[in-house]
Amino acid sequence: MKMIVGLGNPGTKYAGNRHNIGFMALDRIASDHRFSPWRAKFQGQVSEGRFGSDKVILLKPETFMNLSGQSVGEAMRFHKLTPAAVIVFHDEIDLAPAKVRVKTGGGHAGHNGLRSIHSHIGADYDRVRLGVGHPGHKDAVPGYVLRDFAKADQDWLDDVLRGISDGIEKLANGDSGKFLNAVALRVAPPRSSTTKAKPEQTKPAAAPEPEDTRSQMQKLMDRFK
C-alpha cells in the first residue's frame, strides 16, 4: 500500500495558491484514475483507489500547512505504514516553474509543511518537488506562495498536472525515472520527426551583361551625343 500526500491549505480562499499545487496534483490523480469520492478522515480529505492490485490512499491534510504532519502521522498509524510507503507532493520555490524533481529523505529546506511532517514521521519518505519559482528575495516568499498562479502560468501548470497523472502509477511502483519522463513528455514534448525543413531559398542568377561590340571611335562619339 502507498499513501500519496498533497500539501496545501484548505478552503476556496487558498485553492489557486502556488502553495496548493500539492492539492492540485492529487485532485488530478483522483479524477483521472477514478478514485473514490473525497471524504473527511485523518484531519484531512481522503480518496482511495488502486494501481493494478496495489491499494493507494490519497491524503490532503486540512490542518493548514504548518500542521500537516498531524494528519499524515494519524493516517500512517491507522494503516500501519512506514515512511517508505509515503510520497509527498509539495511546492518548491528553489525550482523554476514547470520543473519537477523526486527526492528521498533529506532536510525540509524551511518548507513548513515538510517541517511538520518531519517532526511526526521523520525524514525517510519520498517527496515530489514541484517548481513554482522564487520571488527574488526571501522576505517576499510568504506572500508569493500564498498568491494564486498567474494567468501566464496556466499552460505549464496544466501540463505538469497532466504529466503527474500520466506517470503516477510508475512512481507508486518505485520507478521515479519513468514518472519524470511522463512529466517531461507533457511539459516539453519531442518534435515530430516528420516535420520537413524549409528549403533554402537562393536568389536567381543575374543575367549576363550583353557584350559591347562598338569600336573605340563609336564609343567616343556616343559619349558626346
C-alpha atoms as a PDB file:
ATOM      1  CA  MET A   1       0.000   0.000   0.000  1.00  0.00           C
ATOM      2  CA  LYS A   2       1.136   3.527  -0.794  1.00  0.00           C
ATOM      3  CA  MET A   3      -0.058   6.785   0.711  1.00  0.00           C
ATOM      4  CA  ILE A   4       0.298   9.830  -1.530  1.00  0.00           C
ATOM      5  CA  VAL A   5       0.042  13.175   0.259  1.00  0.00           C
ATOM      6  CA  GLY A   6      -0.548  16.564  -1.343  1.00  0.00           C
ATOM      7  CA  LEU A   7       0.259  19.669   0.682  1.00  0.00           C
ATOM      8  CA  GLY A   8      -1.794  22.852   0.713  1.00  0.00           C
ATOM      9  CA  ASN A   9      -4.214  24.923   2.766  1.00  0.00           C
ATOM     10  CA  PRO A  10      -7.943  24.118   2.990  1.00  0.00           C
ATOM     11  CA  GLY A  11     -10.717  26.385   1.694  1.00  0.00           C
ATOM     12  CA  THR A  12     -11.583  28.215  -1.514  1.00  0.00           C
ATOM     13  CA  LYS A  13      -9.534  31.241  -0.433  1.00  0.00           C
ATOM     14  CA  TYR A  14      -6.327  29.255  -0.943  1.00  0.00           C
ATOM     15  CA  ALA A  15      -7.402  26.883  -3.729  1.00  0.00           C
ATOM     16  CA  GLY A  16      -5.481  28.633  -6.530  1.00  0.00           C
ATOM     17  CA  ASN A  17      -2.352  29.476  -4.499  1.00  0.00           C
ATOM     18  CA  ARG A  18       1.120  28.339  -5.509  1.00  0.00           C
ATOM     19  CA  HIS A  19       1.326  26.753  -2.041  1.00  0.00           C
ATOM     20  CA  ASN A  20      -1.582  24.470  -3.023  1.00  0.00           C
ATOM     21  CA  ILE A  21      -0.022  22.781  -6.036  1.00  0.00           C
ATOM     22  CA  GLY A  22       0.169  19.566  -3.981  1.00  0.00           C
ATOM     23  CA  PHE A  23      -3.628  19.581  -3.573  1.00  0.00           C
ATOM     24  CA  MET A  24      -3.985  20.268  -7.313  1.00  0.00           C
ATOM     25  CA  ALA A  25      -1.818  17.260  -8.170  1.00  0.00           C
ATOM     26  CA  LEU A  26      -3.913  14.900  -6.031  1.00  0.00           C
ATOM     27  CA  ASP A  27      -7.180  16.255  -7.434  1.00  0.00           C
ATOM     28  CA  ARG A  28      -5.963  15.484 -10.960  1.00  0.00           C
ATOM     29  CA  ILE A  29      -4.823  11.982  -9.967  1.00  0.00           C
ATOM     30  CA  ALA A  30      -8.127  11.182  -8.239  1.00  0.00           C
ATOM     31  CA  SER A  31     -10.154  12.436 -11.200  1.00  0.00           C
ATOM     32  CA  ASP A  32      -8.132  10.812 -13.992  1.00  0.00           C
ATOM     33  CA  HIS A  33      -7.766   7.436 -12.270  1.00  0.00           C
ATOM     34  CA  ARG A  34     -11.346   7.266 -10.971  1.00  0.00           C
ATOM     35  CA  PHE A  35     -10.525   7.062  -7.296  1.00  0.00           C
ATOM     36  CA  SER A  36     -13.322   7.157  -4.721  1.00  0.00           C
ATOM     37  CA  PRO A  37     -15.021  10.477  -3.854  1.00  0.00           C
ATOM     38  CA  TRP A  38     -13.172  12.582  -1.300  1.00  0.00           C
ATOM     39  CA  ARG A  39     -14.279  12.086   2.319  1.00  0.00           C
ATOM     40  CA  ALA A  40     -13.224  13.569   5.637  1.00  0.00           C
ATOM     41  CA  LYS A  41     -10.773  11.420   7.615  1.00  0.00           C
ATOM     42  CA  PHE A  42      -7.457  11.741   9.455  1.00  0.00           C
ATOM     43  CA  GLN A  43      -7.904  15.540   9.826  1.00  0.00           C
ATOM     44  CA  GLY A  44      -7.977  15.777   6.046  1.00  0.00           C
ATOM     45  CA  GLN A  45      -9.646  14.597   2.856  1.00  0.00           C
ATOM     46  CA  VAL A  46      -9.086  11.037   1.675  1.00  0.00           C
ATOM     47  CA  SER A  47      -9.648   9.309  -1.664  1.00  0.00           C
ATOM     48  CA  GLU A  48      -8.859   5.645  -2.319  1.00  0.00           C
ATOM     49  CA  GLY A  49      -8.113   3.597  -5.415  1.00  0.00           C
ATOM     50  CA  ARG A  50      -5.816   1.019  -6.963  1.00  0.00           C
ATOM     51  CA  PHE A  51      -2.977   0.812  -9.421  1.00  0.00           C
ATOM     52  CA  GLY A  52      -3.270  -2.778 -10.560  1.00  0.00           C
ATOM     53  CA  SER A  53      -3.604  -4.868  -7.418  1.00  0.00           C
ATOM     54  CA  ASP A  54      -1.944  -2.292  -5.154  1.00  0.00           C
ATOM     55  CA  LYS A  55      -4.138  -0.112  -2.951  1.00  0.00           C
ATOM     56  CA  VAL A  56      -3.345   3.601  -2.915  1.00  0.00           C
ATOM     57  CA  ILE A  57      -4.573   6.267  -0.498  1.00  0.00           C
ATOM     58  CA  LEU A  58      -4.581   9.951  -1.424  1.00  0.00           C
ATOM     59  CA  LEU A  59      -4.498  12.384   1.503  1.00  0.00           C
ATOM     60  CA  LYS A  60      -4.950  16.168   1.555  1.00  0.00           C
ATOM     61  CA  PRO A  61      -4.343  17.377   5.137  1.00  0.00           C
ATOM     62  CA  GLU A  62      -6.805  20.068   6.259  1.00  0.00           C
ATOM     63  CA  THR A  63      -4.831  21.148   9.310  1.00  0.00           C
ATOM     64  CA  PHE A  64      -3.281  24.070   7.393  1.00  0.00           C
ATOM     65  CA  MET A  65       0.218  23.749   6.039  1.00  0.00           C
ATOM     66  CA  ASN A  66       2.278  24.119   9.200  1.00  0.00           C
ATOM     67  CA  LEU A  67       0.427  21.245  10.947  1.00  0.00           C
ATOM     68  CA  SER A  68       0.321  18.813   8.011  1.00  0.00           C
ATOM     69  CA  GLY A  69       2.299  16.196   9.949  1.00  0.00           C
ATOM     70  CA  GLN A  70      -0.586  15.629  12.357  1.00  0.00           C
ATOM     71  CA  SER A  71      -2.805  14.360   9.554  1.00  0.00           C
ATOM     72  CA  VAL A  72      -0.051  12.344   7.863  1.00  0.00           C
ATOM     73  CA  GLY A  73       1.014  10.719  11.143  1.00  0.00           C
ATOM     74  CA  GLU A  74      -2.545   9.760  12.071  1.00  0.00           C
ATOM     75  CA  ALA A  75      -3.176   8.145   8.669  1.00  0.00           C
ATOM     76  CA  MET A  76       0.141   6.264   8.806  1.00  0.00           C
ATOM     77  CA  ARG A  77      -0.570   4.844  12.252  1.00  0.00           C
ATOM     78  CA  PHE A  78      -4.077   3.727  11.253  1.00  0.00           C
ATOM     79  CA  HIS A  79      -2.815   1.891   8.162  1.00  0.00           C
ATOM     80  CA  LYS A  80       0.391   0.690   9.855  1.00  0.00           C
ATOM     81  CA  LEU A  81       2.595   2.248   7.192  1.00  0.00           C
ATOM     82  CA  THR A  82       6.283   3.092   7.314  1.00  0.00           C
ATOM     83  CA  PRO A  83       7.719   6.379   5.983  1.00  0.00           C
ATOM     84  CA  ALA A  84       8.996   4.458   2.935  1.00  0.00           C
ATOM     85  CA  ALA A  85       5.345   3.979   1.853  1.00  0.00           C
ATOM     86  CA  VAL A  86       4.672   7.741   1.817  1.00  0.00           C
ATOM     87  CA  ILE A  87       5.054  10.123  -1.136  1.00  0.00           C
ATOM     88  CA  VAL A  88       4.522  13.856  -0.555  1.00  0.00           C
ATOM     89  CA  PHE A  89       3.804  16.397  -3.327  1.00  0.00           C
ATOM     90  CA  HIS A  90       4.695  19.991  -2.436  1.00  0.00           C
ATOM     91  CA  ASP A  91       5.576  23.377  -3.913  1.00  0.00           C
ATOM     92  CA  GLU A  92       9.280  24.159  -4.321  1.00  0.00           C
ATOM     93  CA  ILE A  93      10.479  27.752  -4.668  1.00  0.00           C
ATOM     94  CA  ASP A  94      14.058  26.661  -5.386  1.00  0.00           C
ATOM     95  CA  LEU A  95      12.991  25.113  -8.692  1.00  0.00           C
ATOM     96  CA  ALA A  96      11.920  27.044 -11.774  1.00  0.00           C
ATOM     97  CA  PRO A  97       8.248  26.838 -12.776  1.00  0.00           C
ATOM     98  CA  ALA A  98       7.363  23.527 -14.501  1.00  0.00           C
ATOM     99  CA  LYS A  99      10.469  21.764 -13.125  1.00  0.00           C
ATOM    100  CA  VAL A 100       9.747  18.555 -11.190  1.00  0.00           C
ATOM    101  CA  ARG A 101      12.192  16.563  -9.080  1.00  0.00           C
ATOM    102  CA  VAL A 102      11.889  13.465  -6.880  1.00  0.00           C
ATOM    103  CA  LYS A 103      13.827  13.189  -3.641  1.00  0.00           C
ATOM    104  CA  THR A 104      14.038  10.681  -0.775  1.00  0.00           C
ATOM    105  CA  GLY A 105      14.973  11.865   2.697  1.00  0.00           C
ATOM    106  CA  GLY A 106      16.973  14.993   3.440  1.00  0.00           C
ATOM    107  CA  GLY A 107      16.035  18.281   5.066  1.00  0.00           C
ATOM    108  CA  HIS A 108      12.843  20.306   4.806  1.00  0.00           C
ATOM    109  CA  ALA A 109      14.584  23.458   3.446  1.00  0.00           C
ATOM    110  CA  GLY A 110      12.308  25.703   5.508  1.00  0.00           C
ATOM    111  CA  HIS A 111       9.065  24.394   3.999  1.00  0.00           C
ATOM    112  CA  ASN A 112       6.546  24.486   6.851  1.00  0.00           C
ATOM    113  CA  GLY A 113       4.550  21.504   5.608  1.00  0.00           C
ATOM    114  CA  LEU A 114       7.648  19.317   5.331  1.00  0.00           C
ATOM    115  CA  ARG A 115       8.931  20.601   8.670  1.00  0.00           C
ATOM    116  CA  SER A 116       5.723  19.403  10.334  1.00  0.00           C
ATOM    117  CA  ILE A 117       5.847  16.007   8.599  1.00  0.00           C
ATOM    118  CA  HIS A 118       9.491  15.587   9.622  1.00  0.00           C
ATOM    119  CA  SER A 119       8.539  16.176  13.245  1.00  0.00           C
ATOM    120  CA  HIS A 120       5.819  13.480  13.151  1.00  0.00           C
ATOM    121  CA  ILE A 121       7.257  10.692  10.957  1.00  0.00           C
ATOM    122  CA  GLY A 122      10.916  11.547  10.384  1.00  0.00           C
ATOM    123  CA  ALA A 123      12.609  12.381   7.079  1.00  0.00           C
ATOM    124  CA  ASP A 124      12.731   8.991   5.348  1.00  0.00           C
ATOM    125  CA  TYR A 125       9.840   9.481   2.940  1.00  0.00           C
ATOM    126  CA  ASP A 126       9.708  10.350  -0.748  1.00  0.00           C
ATOM    127  CA  ARG A 127       8.808  13.839  -1.841  1.00  0.00           C
ATOM    128  CA  VAL A 128       7.988  15.262  -5.262  1.00  0.00           C
ATOM    129  CA  ARG A 129       9.238  18.835  -5.539  1.00  0.00           C
ATOM    130  CA  LEU A 130       7.039  20.905  -7.850  1.00  0.00           C
ATOM    131  CA  GLY A 131       8.807  24.059  -9.036  1.00  0.00           C
ATOM    132  CA  VAL A 132       6.869  27.318  -8.702  1.00  0.00           C
ATOM    133  CA  GLY A 133       9.784  29.757  -8.984  1.00  0.00           C
ATOM    134  CA  HIS A 134      11.235  32.246  -6.500  1.00  0.00           C
ATOM    135  CA  PRO A 135      10.115  35.855  -5.992  1.00  0.00           C
ATOM    136  CA  GLY A 136      13.738  37.015  -5.805  1.00  0.00           C
ATOM    137  CA  HIS A 137      14.021  37.852  -2.105  1.00  0.00           C
ATOM    138  CA  LYS A 138      13.392  35.620   0.910  1.00  0.00           C
ATOM    139  CA  ASP A 139      11.202  38.250   2.599  1.00  0.00           C
ATOM    140  CA  ALA A 140       8.793  38.068  -0.340  1.00  0.00           C
ATOM    141  CA  VAL A 141       8.372  34.288  -0.187  1.00  0.00           C
ATOM    142  CA  PRO A 142       5.323  34.076   2.162  1.00  0.00           C
ATOM    143  CA  GLY A 143       3.270  36.494   0.067  1.00  0.00           C
ATOM    144  CA  TYR A 144       4.441  34.873  -3.162  1.00  0.00           C
ATOM    145  CA  VAL A 145       3.429  31.292  -2.327  1.00  0.00           C
ATOM    146  CA  LEU A 146       0.096  32.467  -0.883  1.00  0.00           C
ATOM    147  CA  ARG A 147      -0.882  34.194  -4.134  1.00  0.00           C
ATOM    148  CA  ASP A 148      -2.686  32.483  -6.978  1.00  0.00           C
ATOM    149  CA  PHE A 149      -0.840  31.274 -10.039  1.00  0.00           C
ATOM    150  CA  ALA A 150      -0.833  33.962 -12.724  1.00  0.00           C
ATOM    151  CA  LYS A 151      -2.759  33.503 -15.972  1.00  0.00           C
ATOM    152  CA  ALA A 152       0.560  33.129 -17.761  1.00  0.00           C
ATOM    153  CA  ASP A 153       1.294  30.072 -15.592  1.00  0.00           C
ATOM    154  CA  GLN A 154      -1.834  28.132 -16.519  1.00  0.00           C
ATOM    155  CA  ASP A 155      -0.473  26.338 -19.599  1.00  0.00           C
ATOM    156  CA  TRP A 156       2.654  24.908 -17.978  1.00  0.00           C
ATOM    157  CA  LEU A 157       0.735  24.163 -14.762  1.00  0.00           C
ATOM    158  CA  ASP A 158      -1.818  22.109 -16.673  1.00  0.00           C
ATOM    159  CA  ASP A 159       0.987  20.266 -18.487  1.00  0.00           C
ATOM    160  CA  VAL A 160       2.712  19.420 -15.191  1.00  0.00           C
ATOM    161  CA  LEU A 161      -0.500  18.155 -13.569  1.00  0.00           C
ATOM    162  CA  ARG A 162      -1.326  16.015 -16.605  1.00  0.00           C
ATOM    163  CA  GLY A 163       2.195  14.605 -16.613  1.00  0.00           C
ATOM    164  CA  ILE A 164       1.955  13.767 -12.913  1.00  0.00           C
ATOM    165  CA  SER A 165      -1.273  11.883 -13.548  1.00  0.00           C
ATOM    166  CA  ASP A 166       0.251  10.080 -16.549  1.00  0.00           C
ATOM    167  CA  GLY A 167       3.222   8.838 -14.528  1.00  0.00           C
ATOM    168  CA  ILE A 168       1.828   8.404 -11.022  1.00  0.00           C
ATOM    169  CA  GLU A 169       1.442   4.624 -11.301  1.00  0.00           C
ATOM    170  CA  LYS A 170       5.156   4.350 -12.161  1.00  0.00           C
ATOM    171  CA  LEU A 171       6.077   6.500  -9.173  1.00  0.00           C
ATOM    172  CA  ALA A 172       3.874   4.443  -6.831  1.00  0.00           C
ATOM    173  CA  ASN A 173       5.710   1.348  -8.084  1.00  0.00           C
ATOM    174  CA  GLY A 174       9.072   2.921  -7.265  1.00  0.00           C
ATOM    175  CA  ASP A 175      10.149   3.975 -10.759  1.00  0.00           C
ATOM    176  CA  SER A 176      10.830   7.691 -10.400  1.00  0.00           C
ATOM    177  CA  GLY A 177      12.668   7.803 -13.743  1.00  0.00           C
ATOM    178  CA  LYS A 178       9.634   6.752 -15.773  1.00  0.00           C
ATOM    179  CA  PHE A 179       7.479   9.104 -13.709  1.00  0.00           C
ATOM    180  CA  LEU A 180       9.707  12.057 -14.564  1.00  0.00           C
ATOM    181  CA  ASN A 181       9.751  11.000 -18.223  1.00  0.00           C
ATOM    182  CA  ALA A 182       5.949  11.132 -18.250  1.00  0.00           C
ATOM    183  CA  VAL A 183       6.020  14.664 -16.881  1.00  0.00           C
ATOM    184  CA  ALA A 184       8.674  15.714 -19.395  1.00  0.00           C
ATOM    185  CA  LEU A 185       6.607  14.382 -22.307  1.00  0.00           C
ATOM    186  CA  ARG A 186       3.805  16.749 -21.309  1.00  0.00           C
ATOM    187  CA  VAL A 187       5.941  19.781 -20.472  1.00  0.00           C
ATOM    188  CA  ALA A 188       8.395  19.525 -23.393  1.00  0.00           C
ATOM    189  CA  PRO A 189       7.091  17.015 -25.958  1.00  0.00           C
ATOM    190  CA  PRO A 190       9.606  15.917 -28.606  1.00  0.00           C
ATOM    191  CA  ARG A 191       9.424  17.499 -32.042  1.00  0.00           C
ATOM    192  CA  SER A 192       7.813  15.433 -34.770  1.00  0.00           C
ATOM    193  CA  SER A 193      10.395  13.697 -36.978  1.00  0.00           C
ATOM    194  CA  THR A 194       8.040  14.132 -39.953  1.00  0.00           C
ATOM    195  CA  THR A 195       8.393  17.893 -39.964  1.00  0.00           C
ATOM    196  CA  LYS A 196      10.247  18.911 -43.116  1.00  0.00           C
ATOM    197  CA  ALA A 197      12.860  21.609 -43.001  1.00  0.00           C
ATOM    198  CA  LYS A 198      12.129  24.615 -45.155  1.00  0.00           C
ATOM    199  CA  PRO A 199      14.114  24.511 -48.426  1.00  0.00           C
ATOM    200  CA  GLU A 200      16.907  27.027 -48.611  1.00  0.00           C
ATOM    201  CA  GLN A 201      15.928  29.958 -50.750  1.00  0.00           C
ATOM    202  CA  THR A 202      18.527  31.139 -53.288  1.00  0.00           C
ATOM    203  CA  LYS A 203      18.450  34.246 -55.429  1.00  0.00           C
ATOM    204  CA  PRO A 204      18.193  33.652 -59.199  1.00  0.00           C
ATOM    205  CA  ALA A 205      21.460  34.224 -61.025  1.00  0.00           C
ATOM    206  CA  ALA A 206      21.726  37.633 -62.641  1.00  0.00           C
ATOM    207  CA  ALA A 207      21.511  37.720 -66.478  1.00  0.00           C
ATOM    208  CA  PRO A 208      24.939  38.262 -68.098  1.00  0.00           C
ATOM    209  CA  GLU A 209      25.697  41.720 -69.402  1.00  0.00           C
ATOM    210  CA  PRO A 210      25.454  41.915 -73.274  1.00  0.00           C
ATOM    211  CA  GLU A 211      28.838  42.161 -74.989  1.00  0.00           C
ATOM    212  CA  ASP A 212      29.751  45.694 -76.166  1.00  0.00           C
ATOM    213  CA  THR A 213      30.778  45.380 -79.837  1.00  0.00           C
ATOM    214  CA  ARG A 214      31.246  49.089 -80.550  1.00  0.00           C
ATOM    215  CA  SER A 215      34.591  50.384 -81.807  1.00  0.00           C
ATOM    216  CA  GLN A 216      36.618  52.796 -79.727  1.00  0.00           C
ATOM    217  CA  MET A 217      35.701  55.655 -82.109  1.00  0.00           C
ATOM    218  CA  GLN A 218      31.984  54.803 -81.841  1.00  0.00           C
ATOM    219  CA  LYS A 219      32.168  54.752 -78.043  1.00  0.00           C
ATOM    220  CA  LEU A 220      33.822  58.175 -78.038  1.00  0.00           C
ATOM    221  CA  MET A 221      31.246  59.635 -80.378  1.00  0.00           C
ATOM    222  CA  ASP A 222      28.370  58.185 -78.297  1.00  0.00           C
ATOM    223  CA  ARG A 223      29.680  59.956 -75.163  1.00  0.00           C
ATOM    224  CA  PHE A 224      29.200  63.388 -76.772  1.00  0.00           C
ATOM    225  CA  LYS A 225      25.736  62.834 -78.218  1.00  0.00           C
END
